[in-house]
Amino acid sequence: MAASFWSLRSFTLAHRRQDSEEILLDRVTLEVPSGGFYLLVGHSGGGKSSLMRLCAGLVDAREPLPRTAGEFECLGVSVREGPPASLQARIAAILQDEGLLDEITPRQNVELALRAADRSIRMAPALLAEVGLDPAPDRVASLSGGMRKRLAVARALAAEPAVLFCDEPVAGLDPEAARQIAQLLRRAHDLARQRTTVVVTHDVDAFAGCYDGVLELNRAERTLRLHDREFRWKAPPVKARAGATAGEGELVHGLRHGLLAFAGISHTSVSSLLRLPPVELGQVVRSVVHCVLTPMFFVAGASGVIGGLATFFALRNNPIEGGFESALLTGTGKVLLAVLVPLLCGFFFTARIAAGAAARLGTMTRTQQVSALRMMGVDPVDYLLTPLVWGMAIGLPIVTFAGMIAASFAGLLAAQSVSGITTAGWAQAWFRTVDAMDGKVVLLKSVSSGYLVALTCFHLGTGPKRSGAEVGDAVNGAIVLSMGLVLAVHAIATLLVYA
């Protein structure tokens, strides 16, 4: 007898909510042999994706797990609360939105999966050819719907998984394209040794003749049954939700989410330090270049305006006309270079970079690109957070230095326009009390601010995203919180050093 792929013994699965709890499976006992090509069918919201995510490790740690009871094993390993790392390496998933990384080429998508599986990237062309992408286009954005599905298949096969989950792989395709994807998945299944393929789908007709059995999740009866290949599933009428019971209550619900949020923040902070040595060097270089060049001219221009205006008004509003100009320039230079310009550069940098970073990460989460990274065995911290930390922690000091230069130059022009002072005279007064300690403090403030802004953008951007509105909320939250952190860092450091 074949070993079991799934083994359920008195297994119960329920979605927990504040006002109610919906039981999806109730004391189900079932053995599913490994090595088969199965369709997993049932009404939307019935628990199909929950079963897949428990096995594939795609449950977001910042959200409560479904309530489970009994035993649920995948390949002989308990997955009631998510799979251990040893099992995750044997499971791959093709997500409904594909989760393709659009910032790299289709071939690089496959190469990334090969590297994560510790296989040669030279296999990428063969995998692409196997799914009918030879030659592969240069950009993910240029792929049609069917080509995106094919690329997702190639990337999933890069890990040679023992289990392949496919979440609605033919959704949105015309009948001919859907049939081609179904046949492609069957061919890939037949070429592998003892692979188990589970396809979550509503389009059973596209897979006619391709599957070995049907796993039917009956929402009304709260059961999961395995039928043979002759079974023809037809969606029954949607009935009222069955199994709804009292929820966990507002207090428990809020406490649970609060603890998970705190744990998520702590995990992000600790991971940012433990995983600080770069793994994806290409990503780090791109992030540093982006964080330097993108805001450079904006920050320098804004700093120049601030420096010029501050100097102009300081001299023009001198209560003793023409007197103590040197002292005014000395004070203005010190305040601008040690305090005001670095603070404003932190604000300008955040306004220019944090919104884009949070929007990018939020969109990647919404389109399942972050889940796809986890599925490939690529830690999102290595691929996204570490490059962001290096980019902002290096970029902000460089941009701040450029802003200080621009502010000083504008201050010179303003001083000459008001009092006709020479360049040498201005420089002697402007930098008279600016010393090495000021430079060290500015560096400390800008590096710390960059690090905290990167953490904020990553944490908010990669949180659960069920809608575009939640992506927008993450962007707004990242801007406001990042600016608050920049202000706090500068205020604390300035008071500690200069008080």
Protein backbone atom coordinates (compact mmCIF):
# COMPACT_ATOMS: atom_id res chain seq x y z
CA MET A 1 0.00 0.00 0.00
CA ALA A 2 1.25 3.50 -0.89
CA ALA A 3 2.31 5.75 1.95
CA SER A 4 -0.11 8.48 2.96
CA PHE A 5 0.23 12.00 1.63
CA TRP A 6 -2.43 13.32 3.99
CA SER A 7 -3.51 11.61 7.18
CA LEU A 8 -6.41 13.12 9.12
CA ARG A 9 -7.70 11.57 12.33
CA SER A 10 -10.67 13.23 14.04
CA PHE A 11 -9.42 16.48 12.55
CA THR A 12 -11.36 19.70 13.12
CA LEU A 13 -10.66 23.01 11.38
CA ALA A 14 -12.37 26.28 12.26
CA HIS A 15 -11.89 29.95 11.39
CA ARG A 16 -11.72 32.10 14.53
CA ARG A 17 -13.43 35.47 14.56
CA GLN A 18 -14.41 37.99 17.21
CA ASP A 19 -18.17 37.46 16.87
CA SER A 20 -18.34 33.86 15.68
CA GLU A 21 -16.38 30.73 14.92
CA GLU A 22 -17.08 28.88 11.68
CA ILE A 23 -16.33 25.16 11.70
CA LEU A 24 -15.11 24.05 8.26
CA LEU A 25 -14.16 20.44 9.02
CA ASP A 26 -15.61 18.51 11.92
CA ARG A 27 -13.81 15.39 13.22
CA VAL A 28 -12.71 14.21 9.77
CA THR A 29 -10.77 10.95 9.42
CA LEU A 30 -9.18 10.32 6.02
CA GLU A 31 -6.08 8.76 4.44
CA VAL A 32 -4.92 10.12 1.06
CA PRO A 33 -2.28 7.98 -0.73
CA SER A 34 0.87 9.75 -1.92
CA GLY A 35 1.94 9.89 -5.55
CA GLY A 36 -1.45 10.88 -6.95
CA PHE A 37 -2.70 13.85 -8.97
CA TYR A 38 -5.69 15.16 -7.04
CA LEU A 39 -8.20 17.93 -7.49
CA LEU A 40 -9.32 19.69 -4.31
CA VAL A 41 -12.81 21.08 -4.85
CA GLY A 42 -15.45 22.83 -2.79
CA HIS A 43 -17.15 26.17 -2.30
CA SER A 44 -15.07 29.30 -1.79
CA GLY A 45 -14.35 29.93 1.87
CA GLY A 46 -14.75 26.25 2.70
CA GLY A 47 -11.18 25.67 3.86
CA LYS A 48 -9.33 24.52 0.72
CA SER A 49 -6.72 27.25 0.86
CA SER A 50 -6.45 26.87 4.65
CA LEU A 51 -5.45 23.22 4.26
CA MET A 52 -2.91 24.11 1.59
CA ARG A 53 -1.43 26.96 3.62
CA LEU A 54 -1.07 24.82 6.73
CA CYS A 55 0.95 22.30 4.72
CA ALA A 56 2.95 24.83 2.70
CA GLY A 57 3.80 27.16 5.59
CA LEU A 58 1.99 30.12 4.10
CA VAL A 59 0.05 31.16 7.22
CA ASP A 60 1.05 34.71 8.18
CA ALA A 61 2.64 34.69 11.62
CA ARG A 62 0.94 38.01 12.43
CA GLU A 63 -2.52 36.50 12.09
CA PRO A 64 -4.09 33.88 14.35
CA LEU A 65 -3.90 30.32 13.05
CA PRO A 66 -7.21 28.56 12.39
CA ARG A 67 -8.38 26.57 15.39
CA THR A 68 -7.55 22.90 14.93
CA ALA A 69 -8.10 19.70 16.87
CA GLY A 70 -7.25 16.08 16.26
CA GLU A 71 -4.37 15.06 13.99
CA PHE A 72 -3.36 16.36 10.56
CA GLU A 73 -0.20 14.97 8.98
CA CYS A 74 1.43 15.65 5.62
CA LEU A 75 4.04 13.10 4.50
CA GLY A 76 3.96 11.70 8.01
CA VAL A 77 4.71 15.05 9.71
CA SER A 78 2.20 16.95 11.84
CA VAL A 79 1.13 20.24 10.23
CA ARG A 80 -1.67 21.24 12.58
CA GLU A 81 0.21 24.44 13.41
CA GLY A 82 2.21 24.75 10.21
CA PRO A 83 5.04 22.57 8.88
CA PRO A 84 8.55 22.35 10.33
CA ALA A 85 11.43 23.61 8.18
CA SER A 86 12.39 20.08 7.16
CA LEU A 87 8.99 19.56 5.56
CA GLN A 88 8.80 22.97 3.91
CA ALA A 89 11.83 22.12 1.79
CA ARG A 90 9.82 19.23 0.25
CA ILE A 91 6.74 21.27 -0.62
CA ALA A 92 6.21 23.84 -3.38
CA ALA A 93 3.15 25.83 -4.35
CA ILE A 94 1.92 27.65 -7.42
CA LEU A 95 -0.08 30.55 -6.00
CA GLN A 96 -3.26 31.95 -7.51
CA ASP A 97 -1.62 35.31 -8.32
CA GLU A 98 1.61 33.49 -9.32
CA GLY A 99 3.73 35.73 -7.06
CA LEU A 100 6.24 36.34 -9.86
CA LEU A 101 8.96 38.85 -8.99
CA ASP A 102 8.51 41.55 -11.61
CA GLU A 103 11.73 43.40 -10.69
CA ILE A 104 13.84 40.61 -12.20
CA THR A 105 13.59 38.70 -15.48
CA PRO A 106 11.62 35.46 -15.95
CA ARG A 107 14.88 33.52 -16.14
CA GLN A 108 16.13 35.14 -12.94
CA ASN A 109 12.87 34.10 -11.23
CA VAL A 110 13.72 30.48 -11.99
CA GLU A 111 17.40 30.95 -11.12
CA LEU A 112 16.43 32.35 -7.71
CA ALA A 113 14.37 29.23 -6.99
CA LEU A 114 17.24 27.02 -8.16
CA ARG A 115 19.72 28.79 -5.88
CA ALA A 116 17.35 28.47 -2.93
CA ALA A 117 17.10 24.72 -3.64
CA ASP A 118 20.91 24.51 -3.89
CA ARG A 119 20.75 23.49 -7.56
CA SER A 120 22.69 24.86 -10.52
CA ILE A 121 21.21 27.94 -12.16
CA ARG A 122 22.31 26.47 -15.50
CA MET A 123 19.15 24.36 -15.33
CA ALA A 124 16.95 27.44 -15.77
CA PRO A 125 16.80 27.31 -19.62
CA ALA A 126 15.81 23.63 -19.52
CA LEU A 127 13.04 24.28 -17.02
CA LEU A 128 11.75 27.20 -19.06
CA ALA A 129 11.82 25.08 -22.21
CA GLU A 130 9.97 22.30 -20.38
CA VAL A 131 7.01 24.61 -19.77
CA GLY A 132 7.08 26.09 -23.29
CA LEU A 133 8.96 29.34 -22.57
CA ASP A 134 11.88 29.01 -24.97
CA PRO A 135 13.08 31.64 -25.44
CA ALA A 136 11.77 33.38 -22.34
CA PRO A 137 10.77 37.06 -22.64
CA ASP A 138 13.02 39.63 -21.00
CA ARG A 139 10.37 41.12 -18.72
CA VAL A 140 7.75 39.58 -16.46
CA ALA A 141 5.40 42.45 -17.31
CA SER A 142 5.35 41.35 -20.96
CA LEU A 143 4.03 37.85 -20.15
CA SER A 144 0.47 36.92 -21.02
CA GLY A 145 -1.76 35.21 -18.48
CA GLY A 146 -0.93 31.74 -19.77
CA MET A 147 2.79 32.50 -19.91
CA ARG A 148 2.73 33.72 -16.30
CA LYS A 149 1.20 30.39 -15.24
CA ARG A 150 3.89 28.52 -17.18
CA LEU A 151 6.65 30.53 -15.54
CA ALA A 152 5.12 29.85 -12.13
CA VAL A 153 5.18 26.12 -12.93
CA ALA A 154 8.84 26.27 -13.99
CA ARG A 155 9.79 28.09 -10.81
CA ALA A 156 7.91 25.63 -8.60
CA LEU A 157 9.55 22.64 -10.32
CA ALA A 158 13.01 24.09 -9.68
CA ALA A 159 12.95 22.67 -6.14
CA GLU A 160 12.01 19.13 -7.26
CA PRO A 161 9.25 19.08 -4.63
CA ALA A 162 7.74 15.93 -3.19
CA VAL A 163 4.41 17.78 -3.01
CA LEU A 164 3.18 20.42 -5.44
CA PHE A 165 0.14 22.52 -4.53
CA CYS A 166 -1.53 24.55 -7.26
CA ASP A 167 -4.01 27.22 -6.16
CA GLU A 168 -6.46 27.96 -9.01
CA PRO A 169 -3.77 27.55 -11.71
CA VAL A 170 -6.24 28.02 -14.59
CA ALA A 171 -8.27 30.91 -13.15
CA GLY A 172 -8.78 33.71 -15.66
CA LEU A 173 -7.62 31.68 -18.67
CA ASP A 174 -9.67 30.82 -21.75
CA PRO A 175 -10.66 27.13 -22.09
CA GLU A 176 -7.82 26.27 -24.49
CA ALA A 177 -5.13 27.92 -22.36
CA ALA A 178 -6.62 26.32 -19.22
CA ARG A 179 -6.48 22.91 -20.85
CA GLN A 180 -2.84 23.44 -21.83
CA ILE A 181 -1.86 24.35 -18.26
CA ALA A 182 -3.72 21.29 -16.93
CA GLN A 183 -1.85 19.02 -19.35
CA LEU A 184 1.45 20.72 -18.50
CA LEU A 185 0.91 20.05 -14.79
CA ARG A 186 0.07 16.42 -15.54
CA ARG A 187 3.20 15.94 -17.66
CA ALA A 188 5.35 17.48 -14.92
CA HIS A 189 3.69 15.16 -12.39
CA ASP A 190 4.34 12.06 -14.49
CA LEU A 191 8.02 12.96 -14.98
CA ALA A 192 8.64 13.16 -11.22
CA ARG A 193 9.16 10.20 -8.93
CA GLN A 194 6.38 9.75 -6.39
CA ARG A 195 5.34 13.39 -6.48
CA THR A 196 1.92 14.25 -5.11
CA THR A 197 0.11 17.06 -6.92
CA VAL A 198 -2.93 18.79 -5.41
CA VAL A 199 -4.81 21.30 -7.55
CA VAL A 200 -7.28 23.64 -5.87
CA THR A 201 -9.74 24.52 -8.61
CA HIS A 202 -13.31 25.31 -9.54
CA ASP A 203 -12.72 24.44 -13.21
CA VAL A 204 -12.90 20.64 -13.10
CA ASP A 205 -13.58 20.39 -16.84
CA ALA A 206 -10.14 21.80 -17.70
CA PHE A 207 -8.54 18.83 -15.90
CA ALA A 208 -10.70 16.12 -17.46
CA GLY A 209 -8.60 12.98 -17.88
CA CYS A 210 -5.65 14.49 -15.97
CA TYR A 211 -6.43 13.59 -12.37
CA ASP A 212 -6.35 10.40 -10.32
CA GLY A 213 -8.88 11.41 -7.70
CA VAL A 214 -10.99 14.23 -6.31
CA LEU A 215 -10.81 15.55 -2.76
CA GLU A 216 -14.22 17.07 -2.05
CA LEU A 217 -14.57 19.53 0.80
CA ASN A 218 -18.27 19.75 1.62
CA ARG A 219 -18.94 23.01 3.41
CA ALA A 220 -22.48 22.14 4.43
CA GLU A 221 -21.54 18.75 5.92
CA ARG A 222 -18.09 19.89 7.11
CA THR A 223 -16.45 16.81 5.59
CA LEU A 224 -13.49 15.98 3.36
CA ARG A 225 -13.82 12.91 1.13
CA LEU A 226 -11.62 11.26 -1.49
CA HIS A 227 -13.37 10.13 -4.67
CA ASP A 228 -11.98 8.19 -7.62
CA ARG A 229 -11.31 9.63 -11.07
CA GLU A 230 -14.84 8.84 -12.22
CA PHE A 231 -16.33 11.31 -9.76
CA ARG A 232 -17.83 14.40 -11.40
CA TRP A 233 -18.14 17.32 -9.01
CA LYS A 234 -20.88 19.85 -9.51
CA ALA A 235 -21.06 22.82 -7.18
CA PRO A 236 -24.19 22.47 -5.03
CA PRO A 237 -26.26 25.53 -4.19
CA VAL A 238 -24.67 27.73 -1.55
CA LYS A 239 -26.38 27.28 1.78
CA ALA A 240 -26.24 29.32 4.95
CA ARG A 241 -22.99 28.92 6.83
CA ALA A 242 -22.97 25.78 8.89
CA GLY A 243 -21.28 25.26 12.17
CA ALA A 244 -21.12 28.88 13.33
CA THR A 245 -20.64 29.07 17.07
CA ALA A 246 -19.92 31.82 19.56
CA GLY A 247 -16.72 33.74 18.85
CA GLU A 248 -13.78 34.25 21.18
CA GLY A 249 -15.02 37.63 22.42
CA GLU A 250 -13.75 41.15 21.95
CA LEU A 251 -11.23 41.02 24.80
CA VAL A 252 -9.62 37.71 23.79
CA HIS A 253 -9.71 38.65 20.12
CA GLY A 254 -8.02 41.99 20.75
CA LEU A 255 -5.48 40.48 23.13
CA ARG A 256 -4.57 37.76 20.64
CA HIS A 257 -4.01 40.25 17.82
CA GLY A 258 -2.09 42.57 20.14
CA LEU A 259 0.28 39.81 21.22
CA LEU A 260 0.79 38.70 17.62
CA ALA A 261 1.51 42.29 16.59
CA PHE A 262 4.07 42.67 19.37
CA ALA A 263 5.65 39.33 18.45
CA GLY A 264 5.77 40.42 14.81
CA ILE A 265 7.55 43.69 15.64
CA SER A 266 10.02 41.84 17.87
CA HIS A 267 10.68 39.23 15.18
CA THR A 268 11.30 41.91 12.54
CA SER A 269 13.69 43.80 14.82
CA VAL A 270 15.69 40.74 15.86
CA SER A 271 15.80 39.38 12.31
CA SER A 272 17.12 42.70 10.98
CA LEU A 273 20.15 42.35 13.25
CA LEU A 274 20.75 38.61 12.97
CA ARG A 275 20.43 38.66 9.17
CA LEU A 276 22.36 41.91 8.66
CA PRO A 277 25.24 40.26 6.72
CA PRO A 278 24.05 40.43 3.08
CA VAL A 279 23.00 37.25 1.31
CA GLU A 280 21.49 38.77 -1.84
CA LEU A 281 24.36 41.10 -2.76
CA GLY A 282 22.72 42.21 -6.00
CA GLN A 283 19.63 43.33 -4.11
CA VAL A 284 21.77 45.21 -1.57
CA VAL A 285 23.69 47.09 -4.28
CA ARG A 286 20.48 48.02 -6.09
CA SER A 287 18.92 49.21 -2.84
CA VAL A 288 21.91 51.39 -1.92
CA VAL A 289 22.03 52.97 -5.38
CA HIS A 290 18.29 53.59 -5.31
CA CYS A 291 18.34 55.12 -1.81
CA VAL A 292 21.18 57.45 -2.80
CA LEU A 293 20.25 58.58 -6.30
CA THR A 294 16.47 58.76 -6.06
CA PRO A 295 16.20 61.40 -3.28
CA MET A 296 19.57 63.09 -3.84
CA PHE A 297 18.52 66.10 -5.92
CA PHE A 298 15.22 66.55 -4.11
CA VAL A 299 16.91 66.58 -0.69
CA ALA A 300 19.82 68.75 -1.87
CA GLY A 301 17.46 71.25 -3.47
CA ALA A 302 15.20 71.45 -0.44
CA SER A 303 18.20 71.78 1.90
CA GLY A 304 19.59 74.55 -0.28
CA VAL A 305 16.35 76.47 -0.02
CA ILE A 306 16.35 76.08 3.79
CA GLY A 307 19.99 77.08 4.12
CA GLY A 308 19.61 80.11 1.86
CA LEU A 309 16.42 81.35 3.50
CA ALA A 310 17.71 80.86 7.04
CA THR A 311 20.90 82.81 6.30
CA PHE A 312 19.07 85.55 4.41
CA PHE A 313 16.56 86.19 7.22
CA ALA A 314 19.20 85.96 9.94
CA LEU A 315 21.23 88.70 8.29
CA ARG A 316 18.33 90.87 7.11
CA ASN A 317 16.68 90.81 10.54
CA ASN A 318 19.87 91.69 12.39
CA PRO A 319 18.76 94.12 15.15
CA ILE A 320 22.14 95.84 14.89
CA GLU A 321 22.36 96.50 11.19
CA GLY A 322 25.77 95.52 9.91
CA GLY A 323 26.99 94.51 13.37
CA PHE A 324 27.85 91.08 14.63
CA GLU A 325 27.43 89.57 11.13
CA SER A 326 30.25 87.14 11.78
CA ALA A 327 28.60 85.95 14.99
CA LEU A 328 25.24 85.56 13.21
CA LEU A 329 26.85 83.49 10.46
CA THR A 330 28.63 81.33 13.05
CA GLY A 331 25.40 80.61 14.90
CA THR A 332 23.43 80.01 11.70
CA GLY A 333 26.05 77.62 10.35
CA LYS A 334 26.16 75.62 13.58
CA VAL A 335 22.39 75.30 13.89
CA LEU A 336 21.87 74.44 10.23
CA LEU A 337 24.67 71.87 9.89
CA ALA A 338 24.43 70.21 13.28
CA VAL A 339 20.67 70.21 13.85
CA LEU A 340 18.21 71.64 11.35
CA VAL A 341 19.44 70.41 7.95
CA PRO A 342 20.10 66.80 9.11
CA LEU A 343 16.60 66.67 10.62
CA LEU A 344 14.96 68.06 7.50
CA CYS A 345 17.04 65.73 5.31
CA GLY A 346 15.63 62.84 7.34
CA PHE A 347 12.12 64.14 6.69
CA PHE A 348 12.71 64.73 2.97
CA PHE A 349 14.38 61.33 2.57
CA THR A 350 11.49 59.62 4.33
CA ALA A 351 8.91 61.41 2.22
CA ARG A 352 10.71 60.38 -0.98
CA ILE A 353 11.78 56.82 -0.12
CA ALA A 354 9.53 55.43 2.63
CA ALA A 355 6.31 55.80 0.64
CA GLY A 356 7.79 54.01 -2.36
CA ALA A 357 9.30 51.25 -0.24
CA ALA A 358 6.09 50.62 1.71
CA ALA A 359 4.01 50.70 -1.48
CA ARG A 360 6.35 48.24 -3.20
CA LEU A 361 6.38 45.84 -0.27
CA GLY A 362 2.63 46.17 0.22
CA THR A 363 2.01 45.39 -3.44
CA MET A 364 4.40 42.43 -3.28
CA THR A 365 2.48 41.12 -0.29
CA ARG A 366 -0.88 41.72 -1.93
CA THR A 367 0.19 39.91 -5.14
CA GLN A 368 1.71 37.04 -3.12
CA GLN A 369 5.30 37.75 -4.16
CA VAL A 370 6.39 37.66 -0.51
CA SER A 371 4.59 34.32 -0.04
CA ALA A 372 6.30 33.06 -3.20
CA LEU A 373 9.70 33.93 -1.72
CA ARG A 374 8.90 31.90 1.39
CA MET A 375 7.62 29.07 -0.78
CA MET A 376 10.92 28.97 -2.69
CA GLY A 377 12.86 28.82 0.56
CA VAL A 378 14.06 32.43 0.22
CA ASP A 379 13.81 34.36 3.48
CA PRO A 380 12.02 37.68 2.79
CA VAL A 381 14.33 39.22 5.40
CA ASP A 382 17.37 38.34 3.25
CA TYR A 383 15.76 39.41 -0.02
CA LEU A 384 13.83 42.49 1.12
CA LEU A 385 14.63 43.72 4.64
CA THR A 386 18.43 43.37 4.69
CA PRO A 387 18.87 45.24 1.37
CA LEU A 388 16.44 47.91 2.59
CA VAL A 389 18.37 48.35 5.86
CA TRP A 390 21.70 48.66 4.05
CA GLY A 391 20.21 50.98 1.43
CA MET A 392 18.66 53.39 3.92
CA ALA A 393 21.44 53.21 6.53
CA ILE A 394 24.01 54.07 3.84
CA GLY A 395 21.81 56.24 1.66
CA LEU A 396 20.50 58.63 4.31
CA PRO A 397 23.97 59.73 5.58
CA ILE A 398 25.17 60.31 2.00
CA VAL A 399 22.05 62.25 1.11
CA THR A 400 22.31 64.21 4.37
CA PHE A 401 25.90 65.15 3.58
CA ALA A 402 24.78 66.34 0.13
CA GLY A 403 22.03 68.39 1.81
CA MET A 404 24.55 70.00 4.18
CA ILE A 405 26.76 70.96 1.23
CA ALA A 406 23.78 72.42 -0.63
CA ALA A 407 22.64 74.35 2.48
CA SER A 408 26.16 75.75 2.99
CA PHE A 409 26.50 76.84 -0.62
CA ALA A 410 23.08 78.51 -0.53
CA GLY A 411 24.07 80.19 2.74
CA LEU A 412 27.16 81.59 1.06
CA LEU A 413 25.12 83.03 -1.80
CA ALA A 414 22.59 84.53 0.63
CA ALA A 415 25.35 86.08 2.78
CA GLN A 416 27.04 87.62 -0.25
CA SER A 417 23.77 89.01 -1.54
CA VAL A 418 22.95 90.67 1.80
CA SER A 419 26.31 91.83 3.12
CA GLY A 420 28.81 91.35 0.29
CA ILE A 421 31.05 89.19 2.51
CA THR A 422 33.94 87.38 0.84
CA THR A 423 33.95 83.59 0.45
CA ALA A 424 36.91 83.24 2.84
CA GLY A 425 35.26 85.48 5.42
CA TRP A 426 32.01 83.56 5.16
CA ALA A 427 33.75 80.17 5.48
CA GLN A 428 35.73 81.30 8.53
CA ALA A 429 32.55 82.42 10.30
CA TRP A 430 30.21 79.64 9.02
CA PHE A 431 32.40 76.71 10.09
CA ARG A 432 34.00 78.31 13.16
CA THR A 433 32.22 76.14 15.74
CA VAL A 434 31.42 73.15 13.52
CA ASP A 435 33.73 70.31 14.61
CA ALA A 436 34.29 66.57 14.28
CA MET A 437 31.82 65.83 17.07
CA ASP A 438 29.06 67.43 15.02
CA GLY A 439 29.92 65.15 12.11
CA LYS A 440 29.82 62.06 14.33
CA VAL A 441 26.47 63.05 15.82
CA VAL A 442 24.97 63.73 12.38
CA LEU A 443 26.26 60.34 11.15
CA LEU A 444 24.79 58.58 14.19
CA LYS A 445 21.42 60.27 13.75
CA SER A 446 21.19 59.58 10.01
CA VAL A 447 22.28 55.93 10.25
CA SER A 448 19.88 55.26 13.15
CA SER A 449 17.05 57.03 11.34
CA GLY A 450 17.68 55.07 8.13
CA TYR A 451 17.67 51.79 10.01
CA LEU A 452 14.39 52.54 11.80
CA VAL A 453 12.70 53.78 8.62
CA ALA A 454 13.71 50.55 6.84
CA LEU A 455 12.29 48.44 9.69
CA THR A 456 9.05 50.42 9.66
CA CYS A 457 8.55 50.11 5.90
CA PHE A 458 9.25 46.38 5.91
CA HIS A 459 7.07 45.59 8.90
CA LEU A 460 4.06 47.58 7.70
CA GLY A 461 4.51 46.68 4.04
CA THR A 462 4.69 42.92 4.58
CA GLY A 463 1.80 42.68 7.01
CA PRO A 464 -1.44 40.95 5.90
CA LYS A 465 -2.97 42.66 2.85
CA ARG A 466 -6.50 41.69 1.84
CA SER A 467 -7.24 44.77 -0.27
CA GLY A 468 -5.69 47.73 -2.02
CA ALA A 469 -6.98 49.93 0.80
CA GLU A 470 -4.77 48.06 3.26
CA VAL A 471 -1.77 48.71 1.01
CA GLY A 472 -2.64 52.41 1.11
CA ASP A 473 -2.98 52.30 4.90
CA ALA A 474 0.48 50.72 5.13
CA VAL A 475 1.97 53.49 2.99
CA ASN A 476 0.38 56.24 5.07
CA GLY A 477 1.37 54.53 8.30
CA ALA A 478 4.96 54.09 7.10
CA ILE A 479 5.30 57.80 6.27
CA VAL A 480 3.80 59.06 9.53
CA LEU A 481 5.57 56.57 11.81
CA SER A 482 8.90 56.94 10.00
CA MET A 483 8.82 60.72 10.34
CA GLY A 484 7.95 60.37 14.00
CA LEU A 485 10.91 58.04 14.53
CA VAL A 486 13.26 60.40 12.66
CA LEU A 487 12.10 63.29 14.83
CA ALA A 488 12.53 61.24 18.01
CA VAL A 489 16.05 60.10 17.07
CA HIS A 490 17.18 63.63 16.24
CA ALA A 491 15.56 65.16 19.31
CA ILE A 492 17.04 62.62 21.74
CA ALA A 493 20.53 62.65 20.21
CA THR A 494 20.63 66.45 19.97
CA LEU A 495 19.52 66.97 23.56
CA LEU A 496 21.92 64.34 24.91
CA VAL A 497 24.91 65.78 23.09
CA TYR A 498 24.29 69.53 23.18
CA ALA A 499 22.26 70.05 26.36
